[in-house]
């Protein structure tokens, strides 16, 4: 059984009440964490949103430049920058051909 953040439930309830709501699923697997059986730990995406240099330790090695997930960092930073500035994910999207899964669900 996989845990999913209650944010999905809350976002659906807001959507059903005709309120604006946004939600996302972060499913970027770090090889070390996966080998430890952790899957994708809750809030691990904060390391990609702010960058490993801007968080207080604990950044997965795969997120640092040259790491297997390093390519996701500018992608998610672009999405968050767009959302914060324009309440849409479009203006600062960054495209790569080989990126792990990040699903943005717009409602």
C-alpha atoms as a PDB file:
ATOM      1  CA  UNK A   1       0.000   0.000   0.000  1.00  0.00           C
ATOM      2  CA  UNK A   2       1.339   3.423  -0.888  1.00  0.00           C
ATOM      3  CA  UNK A   3       0.735   6.533   1.162  1.00  0.00           C
ATOM      4  CA  UNK A   4      -0.620   9.523  -0.756  1.00  0.00           C
ATOM      5  CA  UNK A   5      -0.691  12.933   0.819  1.00  0.00           C
ATOM      6  CA  UNK A   6      -4.096  14.044   2.098  1.00  0.00           C
ATOM      7  CA  UNK A   7      -3.590  17.088  -0.133  1.00  0.00           C
ATOM      8  CA  UNK A   8      -5.138  15.072  -2.972  1.00  0.00           C
ATOM      9  CA  UNK A   9      -8.339  14.651  -0.977  1.00  0.00           C
ATOM     10  CA  UNK A  10      -8.402  18.306   0.057  1.00  0.00           C
ATOM     11  CA  UNK A  11      -7.728  19.478  -3.503  1.00  0.00           C
ATOM     12  CA  UNK A  12     -10.577  17.325  -4.807  1.00  0.00           C
ATOM     13  CA  UNK A  13     -12.953  18.670  -2.155  1.00  0.00           C
ATOM     14  CA  UNK A  14     -12.046  22.256  -3.074  1.00  0.00           C
ATOM     15  CA  UNK A  15     -12.484  21.494  -6.764  1.00  0.00           C
ATOM     16  CA  UNK A  16     -15.891  19.959  -6.106  1.00  0.00           C
ATOM     17  CA  UNK A  17     -16.932  23.132  -4.299  1.00  0.00           C
ATOM     18  CA  UNK A  18     -15.959  25.236  -7.355  1.00  0.00           C
ATOM     19  CA  UNK A  19     -12.878  26.662  -5.631  1.00  0.00           C
ATOM     20  CA  UNK A  20      -9.577  26.974  -7.464  1.00  0.00           C
ATOM     21  CA  UNK A  21      -7.241  24.149  -6.511  1.00  0.00           C
ATOM     22  CA  UNK A  22      -3.872  22.836  -7.658  1.00  0.00           C
ATOM     23  CA  UNK A  23      -2.143  19.619  -6.710  1.00  0.00           C
ATOM     24  CA  UNK A  24       0.876  17.659  -7.872  1.00  0.00           C
ATOM     25  CA  UNK A  25       2.400  14.222  -7.468  1.00  0.00           C
ATOM     26  CA  UNK A  26       6.180  14.026  -7.000  1.00  0.00           C
ATOM     27  CA  UNK A  27       7.392  10.626  -8.104  1.00  0.00           C
ATOM     28  CA  UNK A  28      11.117  11.164  -8.711  1.00  0.00           C
ATOM     29  CA  UNK A  29      12.905   8.124  -7.348  1.00  0.00           C
ATOM     30  CA  UNK A  30      16.378   8.501  -5.864  1.00  0.00           C
ATOM     31  CA  UNK A  31      18.371   5.270  -6.374  1.00  0.00           C
ATOM     32  CA  UNK A  32      19.803   5.296  -2.828  1.00  0.00           C
ATOM     33  CA  UNK A  33      16.433   5.899  -1.202  1.00  0.00           C
ATOM     34  CA  UNK A  34      14.833   3.240  -3.398  1.00  0.00           C
ATOM     35  CA  UNK A  35      17.517   0.722  -2.417  1.00  0.00           C
ATOM     36  CA  UNK A  36      16.723   1.471   1.235  1.00  0.00           C
ATOM     37  CA  UNK A  37      13.048   0.752   0.545  1.00  0.00           C
ATOM     38  CA  UNK A  38      11.996   4.363   1.074  1.00  0.00           C
ATOM     39  CA  UNK A  39      10.380   4.944  -2.290  1.00  0.00           C
ATOM     40  CA  UNK A  40       9.819   8.694  -2.624  1.00  0.00           C
ATOM     41  CA  UNK A  41       9.896  10.235   0.863  1.00  0.00           C
ATOM     42  CA  UNK A  42       7.377  12.903   1.828  1.00  0.00           C
ATOM     43  CA  UNK A  43       8.617  16.460   1.014  1.00  0.00           C
ATOM     44  CA  UNK A  44      11.809  15.270  -0.726  1.00  0.00           C
ATOM     45  CA  UNK A  45      10.864  17.555  -3.649  1.00  0.00           C
ATOM     46  CA  UNK A  46      11.813  20.583  -1.521  1.00  0.00           C
ATOM     47  CA  UNK A  47      15.423  19.746  -2.423  1.00  0.00           C
ATOM     48  CA  UNK A  48      14.664  20.179  -6.116  1.00  0.00           C
ATOM     49  CA  UNK A  49      12.423  23.229  -5.666  1.00  0.00           C
ATOM     50  CA  UNK A  50      15.052  25.217  -3.764  1.00  0.00           C
ATOM     51  CA  UNK A  51      18.182  23.384  -4.959  1.00  0.00           C
ATOM     52  CA  UNK A  52      20.527  21.275  -2.846  1.00  0.00           C
ATOM     53  CA  UNK A  53      22.699  24.285  -1.952  1.00  0.00           C
ATOM     54  CA  UNK A  54      19.700  26.065  -0.404  1.00  0.00           C
ATOM     55  CA  UNK A  55      18.393  23.336   1.898  1.00  0.00           C
ATOM     56  CA  UNK A  56      19.707  22.293   5.290  1.00  0.00           C
ATOM     57  CA  UNK A  57      21.278  18.957   4.383  1.00  0.00           C
ATOM     58  CA  UNK A  58      19.610  15.710   3.432  1.00  0.00           C
ATOM     59  CA  UNK A  59      19.515  16.405  -0.303  1.00  0.00           C
ATOM     60  CA  UNK A  60      19.536  13.144  -2.257  1.00  0.00           C
ATOM     61  CA  UNK A  61      22.846  12.657  -4.060  1.00  0.00           C
ATOM     62  CA  UNK A  62      20.977  12.095  -7.325  1.00  0.00           C
ATOM     63  CA  UNK A  63      19.696  15.728  -7.240  1.00  0.00           C
ATOM     64  CA  UNK A  64      23.163  17.343  -7.275  1.00  0.00           C
ATOM     65  CA  UNK A  65      24.733  18.353 -10.625  1.00  0.00           C
ATOM     66  CA  UNK A  66      25.799  15.209 -12.446  1.00  0.00           C
ATOM     67  CA  UNK A  67      23.381  13.049 -10.455  1.00  0.00           C
ATOM     68  CA  UNK A  68      20.791  10.862 -12.139  1.00  0.00           C
ATOM     69  CA  UNK A  69      17.948  13.235 -11.145  1.00  0.00           C
ATOM     70  CA  UNK A  70      19.817  16.541 -11.536  1.00  0.00           C
ATOM     71  CA  UNK A  71      17.795  17.326 -14.667  1.00  0.00           C
ATOM     72  CA  UNK A  72      14.568  17.582 -12.689  1.00  0.00           C
ATOM     73  CA  UNK A  73      15.829  20.536 -10.617  1.00  0.00           C
ATOM     74  CA  UNK A  74      15.505  23.251 -13.318  1.00  0.00           C
ATOM     75  CA  UNK A  75      12.233  21.689 -14.478  1.00  0.00           C
ATOM     76  CA  UNK A  76      10.505  21.875 -11.095  1.00  0.00           C
ATOM     77  CA  UNK A  77      12.038  25.282 -10.345  1.00  0.00           C
ATOM     78  CA  UNK A  78      10.533  26.584 -13.586  1.00  0.00           C
ATOM     79  CA  UNK A  79       7.107  25.193 -12.746  1.00  0.00           C
ATOM     80  CA  UNK A  80       7.156  26.675  -9.233  1.00  0.00           C
ATOM     81  CA  UNK A  81       8.439  30.048 -10.451  1.00  0.00           C
ATOM     82  CA  UNK A  82       5.656  30.197 -13.030  1.00  0.00           C
ATOM     83  CA  UNK A  83       3.006  29.242 -10.521  1.00  0.00           C
ATOM     84  CA  UNK A  84       4.158  31.751  -7.898  1.00  0.00           C
ATOM     85  CA  UNK A  85       4.438  34.626 -10.372  1.00  0.00           C
ATOM     86  CA  UNK A  86       1.479  33.917 -12.667  1.00  0.00           C
ATOM     87  CA  UNK A  87      -0.704  31.214 -11.016  1.00  0.00           C
ATOM     88  CA  UNK A  88      -0.065  29.042 -14.042  1.00  0.00           C
ATOM     89  CA  UNK A  89       2.665  26.529 -14.823  1.00  0.00           C
ATOM     90  CA  UNK A  90       3.239  27.649 -18.412  1.00  0.00           C
ATOM     91  CA  UNK A  91       5.607  30.690 -18.657  1.00  0.00           C
ATOM     92  CA  UNK A  92       8.780  29.182 -17.216  1.00  0.00           C
ATOM     93  CA  UNK A  93       8.400  25.547 -18.184  1.00  0.00           C
ATOM     94  CA  UNK A  94      11.678  23.807 -18.908  1.00  0.00           C
ATOM     95  CA  UNK A  95      11.629  20.788 -21.199  1.00  0.00           C
ATOM     96  CA  UNK A  96      13.946  17.798 -21.174  1.00  0.00           C
ATOM     97  CA  UNK A  97      13.568  14.569 -23.090  1.00  0.00           C
ATOM     98  CA  UNK A  98      14.729  12.289 -20.302  1.00  0.00           C
ATOM     99  CA  UNK A  99      13.149  13.330 -17.019  1.00  0.00           C
ATOM    100  CA  UNK A 100      11.644  11.224 -14.272  1.00  0.00           C
ATOM    101  CA  UNK A 101       7.944  11.559 -13.572  1.00  0.00           C
ATOM    102  CA  UNK A 102       6.474  14.808 -12.322  1.00  0.00           C
ATOM    103  CA  UNK A 103       2.759  15.000 -12.859  1.00  0.00           C
ATOM    104  CA  UNK A 104       1.142  18.406 -12.588  1.00  0.00           C
ATOM    105  CA  UNK A 105      -2.604  18.122 -12.132  1.00  0.00           C
ATOM    106  CA  UNK A 106      -4.483  21.281 -12.943  1.00  0.00           C
ATOM    107  CA  UNK A 107      -8.050  21.596 -11.727  1.00  0.00           C
END
